mmCIF file of all heavy atoms, coordinates in Angstrom:
data_MODEL
# 
_entry.id   MODEL 
# 
loop_
_atom_site.group_PDB 
_atom_site.id 
_atom_site.type_symbol 
_atom_site.label_atom_id 
_atom_site.label_alt_id 
_atom_site.label_comp_id 
_atom_site.label_asym_id 
_atom_site.label_entity_id 
_atom_site.label_seq_id 
_atom_site.pdbx_PDB_ins_code 
_atom_site.Cartn_x 
_atom_site.Cartn_y 
_atom_site.Cartn_z 
_atom_site.occupancy 
_atom_site.B_iso_or_equiv 
_atom_site.pdbx_formal_charge 
_atom_site.auth_seq_id 
_atom_site.auth_comp_id 
_atom_site.auth_asym_id 
_atom_site.auth_atom_id 
_atom_site.pdbx_PDB_model_num 
ATOM 1   N N   . VAL A 1 1  ? 105.352 97.590  95.770  1.00 0.00 ? 1  VAL A N   1 
ATOM 2   C CA  . VAL A 1 1  ? 104.252 97.718  96.722  1.00 0.00 ? 1  VAL A CA  1 
ATOM 3   C C   . VAL A 1 1  ? 103.925 99.197  97.037  1.00 0.00 ? 1  VAL A C   1 
ATOM 4   O O   . VAL A 1 1  ? 102.762 99.594  97.071  1.00 0.00 ? 1  VAL A O   1 
ATOM 5   C CB  . VAL A 1 1  ? 104.557 96.954  98.052  1.00 0.00 ? 1  VAL A CB  1 
ATOM 6   C CG1 . VAL A 1 1  ? 103.397 97.054  99.006  1.00 0.00 ? 1  VAL A CG1 1 
ATOM 7   C CG2 . VAL A 1 1  ? 104.874 95.493  97.736  1.00 0.00 ? 1  VAL A CG2 1 
ATOM 8   N N   . ARG A 1 2  ? 104.956 99.956  97.169  1.00 0.00 ? 2  ARG A N   1 
ATOM 9   C CA  . ARG A 1 2  ? 104.752 101.403 97.386  1.00 0.00 ? 2  ARG A CA  1 
ATOM 10  C C   . ARG A 1 2  ? 104.094 102.061 96.199  1.00 0.00 ? 2  ARG A C   1 
ATOM 11  O O   . ARG A 1 2  ? 103.138 102.820 96.368  1.00 0.00 ? 2  ARG A O   1 
ATOM 12  C CB  . ARG A 1 2  ? 106.108 102.045 97.645  1.00 0.00 ? 2  ARG A CB  1 
ATOM 13  C CG  . ARG A 1 2  ? 106.874 101.551 98.857  1.00 0.00 ? 2  ARG A CG  1 
ATOM 14  C CD  . ARG A 1 2  ? 108.111 102.371 99.138  1.00 0.00 ? 2  ARG A CD  1 
ATOM 15  N NE  . ARG A 1 2  ? 109.015 102.423 98.030  1.00 0.00 ? 2  ARG A NE  1 
ATOM 16  C CZ  . ARG A 1 2  ? 110.258 102.862 98.119  1.00 0.00 ? 2  ARG A CZ  1 
ATOM 17  N NH1 . ARG A 1 2  ? 110.720 103.298 99.289  1.00 0.00 ? 2  ARG A NH1 1 
ATOM 18  N NH2 . ARG A 1 2  ? 111.076 102.910 97.094  1.00 0.00 ? 2  ARG A NH2 1 
ATOM 19  N N   . VAL A 1 3  ? 104.548 101.733 94.973  1.00 0.00 ? 3  VAL A N   1 
ATOM 20  C CA  . VAL A 1 3  ? 103.981 102.328 93.784  1.00 0.00 ? 3  VAL A CA  1 
ATOM 21  C C   . VAL A 1 3  ? 102.539 101.936 93.616  1.00 0.00 ? 3  VAL A C   1 
ATOM 22  O O   . VAL A 1 3  ? 101.651 102.750 93.295  1.00 0.00 ? 3  VAL A O   1 
ATOM 23  C CB  . VAL A 1 3  ? 104.781 101.920 92.556  1.00 0.00 ? 3  VAL A CB  1 
ATOM 24  C CG1 . VAL A 1 3  ? 104.112 102.399 91.246  1.00 0.00 ? 3  VAL A CG1 1 
ATOM 25  C CG2 . VAL A 1 3  ? 106.250 102.511 92.641  1.00 0.00 ? 3  VAL A CG2 1 
ATOM 26  N N   . GLN A 1 4  ? 102.187 100.699 93.832  1.00 0.00 ? 4  GLN A N   1 
ATOM 27  C CA  . GLN A 1 4  ? 100.849 100.190 93.761  1.00 0.00 ? 4  GLN A CA  1 
ATOM 28  C C   . GLN A 1 4  ? 99.951  100.880 94.703  1.00 0.00 ? 4  GLN A C   1 
ATOM 29  O O   . GLN A 1 4  ? 98.790  101.271 94.433  1.00 0.00 ? 4  GLN A O   1 
ATOM 30  C CB  . GLN A 1 4  ? 100.810 98.684  93.979  1.00 0.00 ? 4  GLN A CB  1 
ATOM 31  C CG  . GLN A 1 4  ? 99.402  98.072  93.827  1.00 0.00 ? 4  GLN A CG  1 
ATOM 32  C CD  . GLN A 1 4  ? 98.876  98.196  92.393  1.00 0.00 ? 4  GLN A CD  1 
ATOM 33  O OE1 . GLN A 1 4  ? 99.690  98.350  91.458  1.00 0.00 ? 4  GLN A OE1 1 
ATOM 34  N NE2 . GLN A 1 4  ? 97.604  98.064  92.228  1.00 0.00 ? 4  GLN A NE2 1 
ATOM 35  N N   . TYR A 1 5  ? 100.411 101.147 95.925  1.00 0.00 ? 5  TYR A N   1 
ATOM 36  C CA  . TYR A 1 5  ? 99.599  101.821 96.951  1.00 0.00 ? 5  TYR A CA  1 
ATOM 37  C C   . TYR A 1 5  ? 99.323  103.259 96.536  1.00 0.00 ? 5  TYR A C   1 
ATOM 38  O O   . TYR A 1 5  ? 98.182  103.782 96.633  1.00 0.00 ? 5  TYR A O   1 
ATOM 39  C CB  . TYR A 1 5  ? 100.260 101.818 98.343  1.00 0.00 ? 5  TYR A CB  1 
ATOM 40  C CG  . TYR A 1 5  ? 99.468  102.589 99.359  1.00 0.00 ? 5  TYR A CG  1 
ATOM 41  C CD1 . TYR A 1 5  ? 98.254  102.147 99.795  1.00 0.00 ? 5  TYR A CD1 1 
ATOM 42  C CD2 . TYR A 1 5  ? 99.979  103.851 99.828  1.00 0.00 ? 5  TYR A CD2 1 
ATOM 43  C CE1 . TYR A 1 5  ? 97.504  102.872 100.739 1.00 0.00 ? 5  TYR A CE1 1 
ATOM 44  C CE2 . TYR A 1 5  ? 99.229  104.527 100.755 1.00 0.00 ? 5  TYR A CE2 1 
ATOM 45  C CZ  . TYR A 1 5  ? 98.005  104.075 101.207 1.00 0.00 ? 5  TYR A CZ  1 
ATOM 46  O OH  . TYR A 1 5  ? 97.274  104.809 102.102 1.00 0.00 ? 5  TYR A OH  1 
ATOM 47  N N   . ILE A 1 6  ? 100.378 103.942 96.050  1.00 0.00 ? 6  ILE A N   1 
ATOM 48  C CA  . ILE A 1 6  ? 100.142 105.348 95.569  1.00 0.00 ? 6  ILE A CA  1 
ATOM 49  C C   . ILE A 1 6  ? 99.118  105.357 94.448  1.00 0.00 ? 6  ILE A C   1 
ATOM 50  O O   . ILE A 1 6  ? 98.218  106.203 94.395  1.00 0.00 ? 6  ILE A O   1 
ATOM 51  C CB  . ILE A 1 6  ? 101.486 105.933 95.072  1.00 0.00 ? 6  ILE A CB  1 
ATOM 52  C CG1 . ILE A 1 6  ? 102.460 106.097 96.269  1.00 0.00 ? 6  ILE A CG1 1 
ATOM 53  C CG2 . ILE A 1 6  ? 101.283 107.271 94.386  1.00 0.00 ? 6  ILE A CG2 1 
ATOM 54  C CD1 . ILE A 1 6  ? 103.879 106.443 95.864  1.00 0.00 ? 6  ILE A CD1 1 
ATOM 55  N N   . ARG A 1 7  ? 99.268  104.437 93.515  1.00 0.00 ? 7  ARG A N   1 
ATOM 56  C CA  . ARG A 1 7  ? 98.350  104.348 92.369  1.00 0.00 ? 7  ARG A CA  1 
ATOM 57  C C   . ARG A 1 7  ? 96.915  104.136 92.850  1.00 0.00 ? 7  ARG A C   1 
ATOM 58  O O   . ARG A 1 7  ? 96.021  104.832 92.456  1.00 0.00 ? 7  ARG A O   1 
ATOM 59  C CB  . ARG A 1 7  ? 98.791  103.247 91.419  1.00 0.00 ? 7  ARG A CB  1 
ATOM 60  C CG  . ARG A 1 7  ? 97.907  103.070 90.200  1.00 0.00 ? 7  ARG A CG  1 
ATOM 61  C CD  . ARG A 1 7  ? 98.456  101.949 89.328  1.00 0.00 ? 7  ARG A CD  1 
ATOM 62  N NE  . ARG A 1 7  ? 97.696  101.737 88.113  1.00 0.00 ? 7  ARG A NE  1 
ATOM 63  C CZ  . ARG A 1 7  ? 96.565  100.997 87.997  1.00 0.00 ? 7  ARG A CZ  1 
ATOM 64  N NH1 . ARG A 1 7  ? 96.109  100.354 89.085  1.00 0.00 ? 7  ARG A NH1 1 
ATOM 65  N NH2 . ARG A 1 7  ? 95.916  100.910 86.889  1.00 0.00 ? 7  ARG A NH2 1 
ATOM 66  N N   . GLU A 1 8  ? 96.739  103.158 93.709  1.00 0.00 ? 8  GLU A N   1 
ATOM 67  C CA  . GLU A 1 8  ? 95.417  102.864 94.198  1.00 0.00 ? 8  GLU A CA  1 
ATOM 68  C C   . GLU A 1 8  ? 94.754  103.991 94.973  1.00 0.00 ? 8  GLU A C   1 
ATOM 69  O O   . GLU A 1 8  ? 93.549  104.266 94.811  1.00 0.00 ? 8  GLU A O   1 
ATOM 70  C CB  . GLU A 1 8  ? 95.437  101.576 95.064  1.00 0.00 ? 8  GLU A CB  1 
ATOM 71  C CG  . GLU A 1 8  ? 95.737  100.291 94.302  1.00 0.00 ? 8  GLU A CG  1 
ATOM 72  C CD  . GLU A 1 8  ? 95.848  99.072  95.182  1.00 0.00 ? 8  GLU A CD  1 
ATOM 73  O OE1 . GLU A 1 8  ? 95.817  99.254  96.433  1.00 0.00 ? 8  GLU A OE1 1 
ATOM 74  O OE2 . GLU A 1 8  ? 96.041  98.005  94.669  1.00 0.00 ? 8  GLU A OE2 1 
ATOM 75  N N   . LYS A 1 9  ? 95.566  104.704 95.757  1.00 0.00 ? 9  LYS A N   1 
ATOM 76  C CA  . LYS A 1 9  ? 95.030  105.786 96.556  1.00 0.00 ? 9  LYS A CA  1 
ATOM 77  C C   . LYS A 1 9  ? 94.616  106.933 95.637  1.00 0.00 ? 9  LYS A C   1 
ATOM 78  O O   . LYS A 1 9  ? 93.551  107.560 95.863  1.00 0.00 ? 9  LYS A O   1 
ATOM 79  C CB  . LYS A 1 9  ? 96.091  106.269 97.555  1.00 0.00 ? 9  LYS A CB  1 
ATOM 80  C CG  . LYS A 1 9  ? 95.484  107.015 98.738  1.00 0.00 ? 9  LYS A CG  1 
ATOM 81  C CD  . LYS A 1 9  ? 94.615  106.085 99.584  1.00 0.00 ? 9  LYS A CD  1 
ATOM 82  C CE  . LYS A 1 9  ? 93.772  106.841 100.551 1.00 0.00 ? 9  LYS A CE  1 
ATOM 83  N NZ  . LYS A 1 9  ? 92.815  105.969 101.306 1.00 0.00 ? 9  LYS A NZ  1 
ATOM 84  N N   . LEU A 1 10 ? 95.425  107.273 94.627  1.00 0.00 ? 10 LEU A N   1 
ATOM 85  C CA  . LEU A 1 10 ? 95.028  108.350 93.715  1.00 0.00 ? 10 LEU A CA  1 
ATOM 86  C C   . LEU A 1 10 ? 93.806  107.985 92.879  1.00 0.00 ? 10 LEU A C   1 
ATOM 87  O O   . LEU A 1 10 ? 92.986  108.881 92.605  1.00 0.00 ? 10 LEU A O   1 
ATOM 88  C CB  . LEU A 1 10 ? 96.243  108.680 92.846  1.00 0.00 ? 10 LEU A CB  1 
ATOM 89  C CG  . LEU A 1 10 ? 97.489  109.213 93.548  1.00 0.00 ? 10 LEU A CG  1 
ATOM 90  C CD1 . LEU A 1 10 ? 98.561  109.548 92.592  1.00 0.00 ? 10 LEU A CD1 1 
ATOM 91  C CD2 . LEU A 1 10 ? 97.122  110.433 94.414  1.00 0.00 ? 10 LEU A CD2 1 
ATOM 92  N N   . ILE A 1 11 ? 93.703  106.754 92.457  1.00 0.00 ? 11 ILE A N   1 
ATOM 93  C CA  . ILE A 1 11 ? 92.550  106.314 91.751  1.00 0.00 ? 11 ILE A CA  1 
ATOM 94  C C   . ILE A 1 11 ? 91.301  106.347 92.596  1.00 0.00 ? 11 ILE A C   1 
ATOM 95  O O   . ILE A 1 11 ? 90.210  106.781 92.159  1.00 0.00 ? 11 ILE A O   1 
ATOM 96  C CB  . ILE A 1 11 ? 92.736  104.915 91.118  1.00 0.00 ? 11 ILE A CB  1 
ATOM 97  C CG1 . ILE A 1 11 ? 93.833  104.936 90.013  1.00 0.00 ? 11 ILE A CG1 1 
ATOM 98  C CG2 . ILE A 1 11 ? 91.457  104.321 90.589  1.00 0.00 ? 11 ILE A CG2 1 
ATOM 99  C CD1 . ILE A 1 11 ? 94.189  103.580 89.488  1.00 0.00 ? 11 ILE A CD1 1 
ATOM 100 N N   . GLU A 1 12 ? 91.436  105.919 93.844  1.00 0.00 ? 12 GLU A N   1 
ATOM 101 C CA  . GLU A 1 12 ? 90.334  105.968 94.803  1.00 0.00 ? 12 GLU A CA  1 
ATOM 102 C C   . GLU A 1 12 ? 89.815  107.387 94.957  1.00 0.00 ? 12 GLU A C   1 
ATOM 103 O O   . GLU A 1 12 ? 88.582  107.604 94.985  1.00 0.00 ? 12 GLU A O   1 
ATOM 104 C CB  . GLU A 1 12 ? 90.821  105.400 96.128  1.00 0.00 ? 12 GLU A CB  1 
ATOM 105 C CG  . GLU A 1 12 ? 89.794  105.472 97.279  1.00 0.00 ? 12 GLU A CG  1 
ATOM 106 C CD  . GLU A 1 12 ? 90.382  105.012 98.562  1.00 0.00 ? 12 GLU A CD  1 
ATOM 107 O OE1 . GLU A 1 12 ? 90.896  103.909 98.649  1.00 0.00 ? 12 GLU A OE1 1 
ATOM 108 O OE2 . GLU A 1 12 ? 90.322  105.801 99.527  1.00 0.00 ? 12 GLU A OE2 1 
ATOM 109 N N   . THR A 1 13 ? 90.711  108.343 95.078  1.00 0.00 ? 13 THR A N   1 
ATOM 110 C CA  . THR A 1 13 ? 90.300  109.730 95.253  1.00 0.00 ? 13 THR A CA  1 
ATOM 111 C C   . THR A 1 13 ? 89.567  110.247 93.980  1.00 0.00 ? 13 THR A C   1 
ATOM 112 O O   . THR A 1 13 ? 88.598  110.934 94.075  1.00 0.00 ? 13 THR A O   1 
ATOM 113 C CB  . THR A 1 13 ? 91.559  110.598 95.559  1.00 0.00 ? 13 THR A CB  1 
ATOM 114 O OG1 . THR A 1 13 ? 92.215  110.145 96.724  1.00 0.00 ? 13 THR A OG1 1 
ATOM 115 C CG2 . THR A 1 13 ? 91.158  112.046 95.734  1.00 0.00 ? 13 THR A CG2 1 
ATOM 116 N N   . ALA A 1 14 ? 90.149  109.928 92.816  1.00 0.00 ? 14 ALA A N   1 
ATOM 117 C CA  . ALA A 1 14 ? 89.550  110.359 91.566  1.00 0.00 ? 14 ALA A CA  1 
ATOM 118 C C   . ALA A 1 14 ? 88.164  109.777 91.408  1.00 0.00 ? 14 ALA A C   1 
ATOM 119 O O   . ALA A 1 14 ? 87.206  110.485 90.948  1.00 0.00 ? 14 ALA A O   1 
ATOM 120 C CB  . ALA A 1 14 ? 90.459  109.966 90.409  1.00 0.00 ? 14 ALA A CB  1 
ATOM 121 N N   . ARG A 1 15 ? 87.997  108.538 91.780  1.00 0.00 ? 15 ARG A N   1 
ATOM 122 C CA  . ARG A 1 15 ? 86.691  107.844 91.703  1.00 0.00 ? 15 ARG A CA  1 
ATOM 123 C C   . ARG A 1 15 ? 85.653  108.523 92.571  1.00 0.00 ? 15 ARG A C   1 
ATOM 124 O O   . ARG A 1 15 ? 84.518  108.741 92.173  1.00 0.00 ? 15 ARG A O   1 
ATOM 125 C CB  . ARG A 1 15 ? 86.844  106.361 92.013  1.00 0.00 ? 15 ARG A CB  1 
ATOM 126 C CG  . ARG A 1 15 ? 85.535  105.602 91.935  1.00 0.00 ? 15 ARG A CG  1 
ATOM 127 C CD  . ARG A 1 15 ? 85.744  104.131 92.216  1.00 0.00 ? 15 ARG A CD  1 
ATOM 128 N NE  . ARG A 1 15 ? 86.458  103.449 91.123  1.00 0.00 ? 15 ARG A NE  1 
ATOM 129 C CZ  . ARG A 1 15 ? 87.631  102.925 91.203  1.00 0.00 ? 15 ARG A CZ  1 
ATOM 130 N NH1 . ARG A 1 15 ? 88.303  102.994 92.360  1.00 0.00 ? 15 ARG A NH1 1 
ATOM 131 N NH2 . ARG A 1 15 ? 88.171  102.325 90.121  1.00 0.00 ? 15 ARG A NH2 1 
ATOM 132 N N   . GLU A 1 16 ? 86.075  108.879 93.806  1.00 0.00 ? 16 GLU A N   1 
ATOM 133 C CA  . GLU A 1 16 ? 85.119  109.478 94.724  1.00 0.00 ? 16 GLU A CA  1 
ATOM 134 C C   . GLU A 1 16 ? 84.756  110.919 94.329  1.00 0.00 ? 16 GLU A C   1 
ATOM 135 O O   . GLU A 1 16 ? 83.629  111.354 94.598  1.00 0.00 ? 16 GLU A O   1 
ATOM 136 C CB  . GLU A 1 16 ? 85.754  109.454 96.154  1.00 0.00 ? 16 GLU A CB  1 
ATOM 137 C CG  . GLU A 1 16 ? 85.816  108.056 96.753  1.00 0.00 ? 16 GLU A CG  1 
ATOM 138 C CD  . GLU A 1 16 ? 86.522  108.042 98.122  1.00 0.00 ? 16 GLU A CD  1 
ATOM 139 O OE1 . GLU A 1 16 ? 87.109  109.122 98.441  1.00 0.00 ? 16 GLU A OE1 1 
ATOM 140 O OE2 . GLU A 1 16 ? 86.431  107.057 98.756  1.00 0.00 ? 16 GLU A OE2 1 
ATOM 141 N N   . GLU A 1 17 ? 85.695  111.632 93.742  1.00 0.00 ? 17 GLU A N   1 
ATOM 142 C CA  . GLU A 1 17 ? 85.424  113.028 93.395  1.00 0.00 ? 17 GLU A CA  1 
ATOM 143 C C   . GLU A 1 17 ? 84.911  113.257 91.974  1.00 0.00 ? 17 GLU A C   1 
ATOM 144 O O   . GLU A 1 17 ? 84.209  114.216 91.765  1.00 0.00 ? 17 GLU A O   1 
ATOM 145 C CB  . GLU A 1 17 ? 86.731  113.835 93.625  1.00 0.00 ? 17 GLU A CB  1 
ATOM 146 C CG  . GLU A 1 17 ? 87.192  113.845 95.091  1.00 0.00 ? 17 GLU A CG  1 
ATOM 147 C CD  . GLU A 1 17 ? 88.371  114.791 95.276  1.00 0.00 ? 17 GLU A CD  1 
ATOM 148 O OE1 . GLU A 1 17 ? 88.988  115.209 94.249  1.00 0.00 ? 17 GLU A OE1 1 
ATOM 149 O OE2 . GLU A 1 17 ? 88.675  115.061 96.432  1.00 0.00 ? 17 GLU A OE2 1 
ATOM 150 N N   . LYS A 1 18 ? 85.310  112.413 91.056  1.00 0.00 ? 18 LYS A N   1 
ATOM 151 C CA  . LYS A 1 18 ? 84.958  112.594 89.669  1.00 0.00 ? 18 LYS A CA  1 
ATOM 152 C C   . LYS A 1 18 ? 84.053  111.583 89.107  1.00 0.00 ? 18 LYS A C   1 
ATOM 153 O O   . LYS A 1 18 ? 83.637  111.647 87.965  1.00 0.00 ? 18 LYS A O   1 
ATOM 154 C CB  . LYS A 1 18 ? 86.262  112.709 88.819  1.00 0.00 ? 18 LYS A CB  1 
ATOM 155 C CG  . LYS A 1 18 ? 87.147  113.838 89.223  1.00 0.00 ? 18 LYS A CG  1 
ATOM 156 C CD  . LYS A 1 18 ? 88.419  113.860 88.424  1.00 0.00 ? 18 LYS A CD  1 
ATOM 157 C CE  . LYS A 1 18 ? 89.346  114.981 88.873  1.00 0.00 ? 18 LYS A CE  1 
ATOM 158 N NZ  . LYS A 1 18 ? 90.629  114.999 88.093  1.00 0.00 ? 18 LYS A NZ  1 
ATOM 159 N N   . GLY A 1 19 ? 83.749  110.545 89.883  1.00 0.00 ? 19 GLY A N   1 
ATOM 160 C CA  . GLY A 1 19 ? 82.815  109.518 89.458  1.00 0.00 ? 19 GLY A CA  1 
ATOM 161 C C   . GLY A 1 19 ? 83.498  108.235 89.090  1.00 0.00 ? 19 GLY A C   1 
ATOM 162 O O   . GLY A 1 19 ? 84.678  108.123 88.771  1.00 0.00 ? 19 GLY A O   1 
ATOM 163 N N   . GLU A 1 20 ? 82.673  107.205 89.040  1.00 0.00 ? 20 GLU A N   1 
ATOM 164 C CA  . GLU A 1 20 ? 83.152  105.835 88.782  1.00 0.00 ? 20 GLU A CA  1 
ATOM 165 C C   . GLU A 1 20 ? 83.726  105.703 87.384  1.00 0.00 ? 20 GLU A C   1 
ATOM 166 O O   . GLU A 1 20 ? 84.770  105.018 87.170  1.00 0.00 ? 20 GLU A O   1 
ATOM 167 C CB  . GLU A 1 20 ? 81.962  104.838 88.906  1.00 0.00 ? 20 GLU A CB  1 
ATOM 168 C CG  . GLU A 1 20 ? 82.383  103.395 88.756  1.00 0.00 ? 20 GLU A CG  1 
ATOM 169 C CD  . GLU A 1 20 ? 83.285  102.918 89.865  1.00 0.00 ? 20 GLU A CD  1 
ATOM 170 O OE1 . GLU A 1 20 ? 83.109  103.407 90.992  1.00 0.00 ? 20 GLU A OE1 1 
ATOM 171 O OE2 . GLU A 1 20 ? 84.154  102.064 89.611  1.00 0.00 ? 20 GLU A OE2 1 
ATOM 172 N N   . ASP A 1 21 ? 83.190  106.339 86.348  1.00 0.00 ? 21 ASP A N   1 
ATOM 173 C CA  . ASP A 1 21 ? 83.696  106.248 84.996  1.00 0.00 ? 21 ASP A CA  1 
ATOM 174 C C   . ASP A 1 21 ? 85.088  106.763 84.892  1.00 0.00 ? 21 ASP A C   1 
ATOM 175 O O   . ASP A 1 21 ? 85.972  106.176 84.248  1.00 0.00 ? 21 ASP A O   1 
ATOM 176 C CB  . ASP A 1 21 ? 82.785  106.964 84.054  1.00 0.00 ? 21 ASP A CB  1 
ATOM 177 C CG  . ASP A 1 21 ? 81.432  106.261 83.825  1.00 0.00 ? 21 ASP A CG  1 
ATOM 178 O OD1 . ASP A 1 21 ? 81.341  105.054 84.222  1.00 0.00 ? 21 ASP A OD1 1 
ATOM 179 O OD2 . ASP A 1 21 ? 80.475  106.879 83.345  1.00 0.00 ? 21 ASP A OD2 1 
ATOM 180 N N   . VAL A 1 22 ? 85.330  107.910 85.538  1.00 0.00 ? 22 VAL A N   1 
ATOM 181 C CA  . VAL A 1 22 ? 86.670  108.494 85.492  1.00 0.00 ? 22 VAL A CA  1 
ATOM 182 C C   . VAL A 1 22 ? 87.694  107.614 86.205  1.00 0.00 ? 22 VAL A C   1 
ATOM 183 O O   . VAL A 1 22 ? 88.786  107.337 85.740  1.00 0.00 ? 22 VAL A O   1 
ATOM 184 C CB  . VAL A 1 22 ? 86.682  109.909 86.123  1.00 0.00 ? 22 VAL A CB  1 
ATOM 185 C CG1 . VAL A 1 22 ? 88.106  110.450 86.267  1.00 0.00 ? 22 VAL A CG1 1 
ATOM 186 C CG2 . VAL A 1 22 ? 85.846  110.865 85.315  1.00 0.00 ? 22 VAL A CG2 1 
ATOM 187 N N   . GLY A 1 23 ? 87.305  107.115 87.370  1.00 0.00 ? 23 GLY A N   1 
ATOM 188 C CA  . GLY A 1 23 ? 88.168  106.218 88.134  1.00 0.00 ? 23 GLY A CA  1 
ATOM 189 C C   . GLY A 1 23 ? 88.538  104.974 87.346  1.00 0.00 ? 23 GLY A C   1 
ATOM 190 O O   . GLY A 1 23 ? 89.640  104.514 87.322  1.00 0.00 ? 23 GLY A O   1 
ATOM 191 N N   . ARG A 1 24 ? 87.526  104.384 86.662  1.00 0.00 ? 24 ARG A N   1 
ATOM 192 C CA  . ARG A 1 24 ? 87.780  103.191 85.861  1.00 0.00 ? 24 ARG A CA  1 
ATOM 193 C C   . ARG A 1 24 ? 88.698  103.517 84.660  1.00 0.00 ? 24 ARG A C   1 
ATOM 194 O O   . ARG A 1 24 ? 89.596  102.712 84.345  1.00 0.00 ? 24 ARG A O   1 
ATOM 195 C CB  . ARG A 1 24 ? 86.435  102.636 85.346  1.00 0.00 ? 24 ARG A CB  1 
ATOM 196 C CG  . ARG A 1 24 ? 86.566  101.261 84.638  1.00 0.00 ? 24 ARG A CG  1 
ATOM 197 C CD  . ARG A 1 24 ? 85.248  100.795 84.109  1.00 0.00 ? 24 ARG A CD  1 
ATOM 198 N NE  . ARG A 1 24 ? 84.281  100.635 85.209  1.00 0.00 ? 24 ARG A NE  1 
ATOM 199 C CZ  . ARG A 1 24 ? 83.182  101.439 85.355  1.00 0.00 ? 24 ARG A CZ  1 
ATOM 200 N NH1 . ARG A 1 24 ? 82.966  102.432 84.496  1.00 0.00 ? 24 ARG A NH1 1 
ATOM 201 N NH2 . ARG A 1 24 ? 82.377  101.200 86.333  1.00 0.00 ? 24 ARG A NH2 1 
ATOM 202 N N   . GLU A 1 25 ? 88.504  104.681 84.048  1.00 0.00 ? 25 GLU A N   1 
ATOM 203 C CA  . GLU A 1 25 ? 89.386  105.044 82.893  1.00 0.00 ? 25 GLU A CA  1 
ATOM 204 C C   . GLU A 1 25 ? 90.815  105.220 83.347  1.00 0.00 ? 25 GLU A C   1 
ATOM 205 O O   . GLU A 1 25 ? 91.694  104.706 82.637  1.00 0.00 ? 25 GLU A O   1 
ATOM 206 C CB  . GLU A 1 25 ? 88.812  106.389 82.277  1.00 0.00 ? 25 GLU A CB  1 
ATOM 207 C CG  . GLU A 1 25 ? 89.491  106.771 80.968  1.00 0.00 ? 25 GLU A CG  1 
ATOM 208 C CD  . GLU A 1 25 ? 90.722  107.620 81.192  1.00 0.00 ? 25 GLU A CD  1 
ATOM 209 O OE1 . GLU A 1 25 ? 90.720  108.376 82.181  1.00 0.00 ? 25 GLU A OE1 1 
ATOM 210 O OE2 . GLU A 1 25 ? 91.641  107.583 80.372  1.00 0.00 ? 25 GLU A OE2 1 
ATOM 211 N N   . ILE A 1 26 ? 91.065  105.822 84.482  1.00 0.00 ? 26 ILE A N   1 
ATOM 212 C CA  . ILE A 1 26 ? 92.393  105.984 84.969  1.00 0.00 ? 26 ILE A CA  1 
ATOM 213 C C   . ILE A 1 26 ? 92.993  104.675 85.336  1.00 0.00 ? 26 ILE A C   1 
ATOM 214 O O   . ILE A 1 26 ? 94.175  104.306 85.060  1.00 0.00 ? 26 ILE A O   1 
ATOM 215 C CB  . ILE A 1 26 ? 92.422  106.901 86.174  1.00 0.00 ? 26 ILE A CB  1 
ATOM 216 C CG1 . ILE A 1 26 ? 91.958  108.341 85.831  1.00 0.00 ? 26 ILE A CG1 1 
ATOM 217 C CG2 . ILE A 1 26 ? 93.828  106.979 86.810  1.00 0.00 ? 26 ILE A CG2 1 
ATOM 218 C CD1 . ILE A 1 26 ? 91.811  109.248 86.954  1.00 0.00 ? 26 ILE A CD1 1 
ATOM 219 N N   . GLU A 1 27 ? 92.186  103.789 85.973  1.00 0.00 ? 27 GLU A N   1 
ATOM 220 C CA  . GLU A 1 27 ? 92.639  102.456 86.346  1.00 0.00 ? 27 GLU A CA  1 
ATOM 221 C C   . GLU A 1 27 ? 93.094  101.621 85.188  1.00 0.00 ? 27 GLU A C   1 
ATOM 222 O O   . GLU A 1 27 ? 94.027  100.761 85.353  1.00 0.00 ? 27 GLU A O   1 
ATOM 223 C CB  . GLU A 1 27 ? 91.506  101.765 87.125  1.00 0.00 ? 27 GLU A CB  1 
ATOM 224 C CG  . GLU A 1 27 ? 91.943  100.509 87.851  1.00 0.00 ? 27 GLU A CG  1 
ATOM 225 C CD  . GLU A 1 27 ? 90.859  100.019 88.747  1.00 0.00 ? 27 GLU A CD  1 
ATOM 226 O OE1 . GLU A 1 27 ? 89.671  100.313 88.503  1.00 0.00 ? 27 GLU A OE1 1 
ATOM 227 O OE2 . GLU A 1 27 ? 91.143  99.280  89.708  1.00 0.00 ? 27 GLU A OE2 1 
# 
């Protein structure tokens, strides 16, 4: 649960700053 939260938060930040395509690629 901790790892999933860290992952989701970092992806959320990347999506907001670098765009939806980058966020999706990381995800």
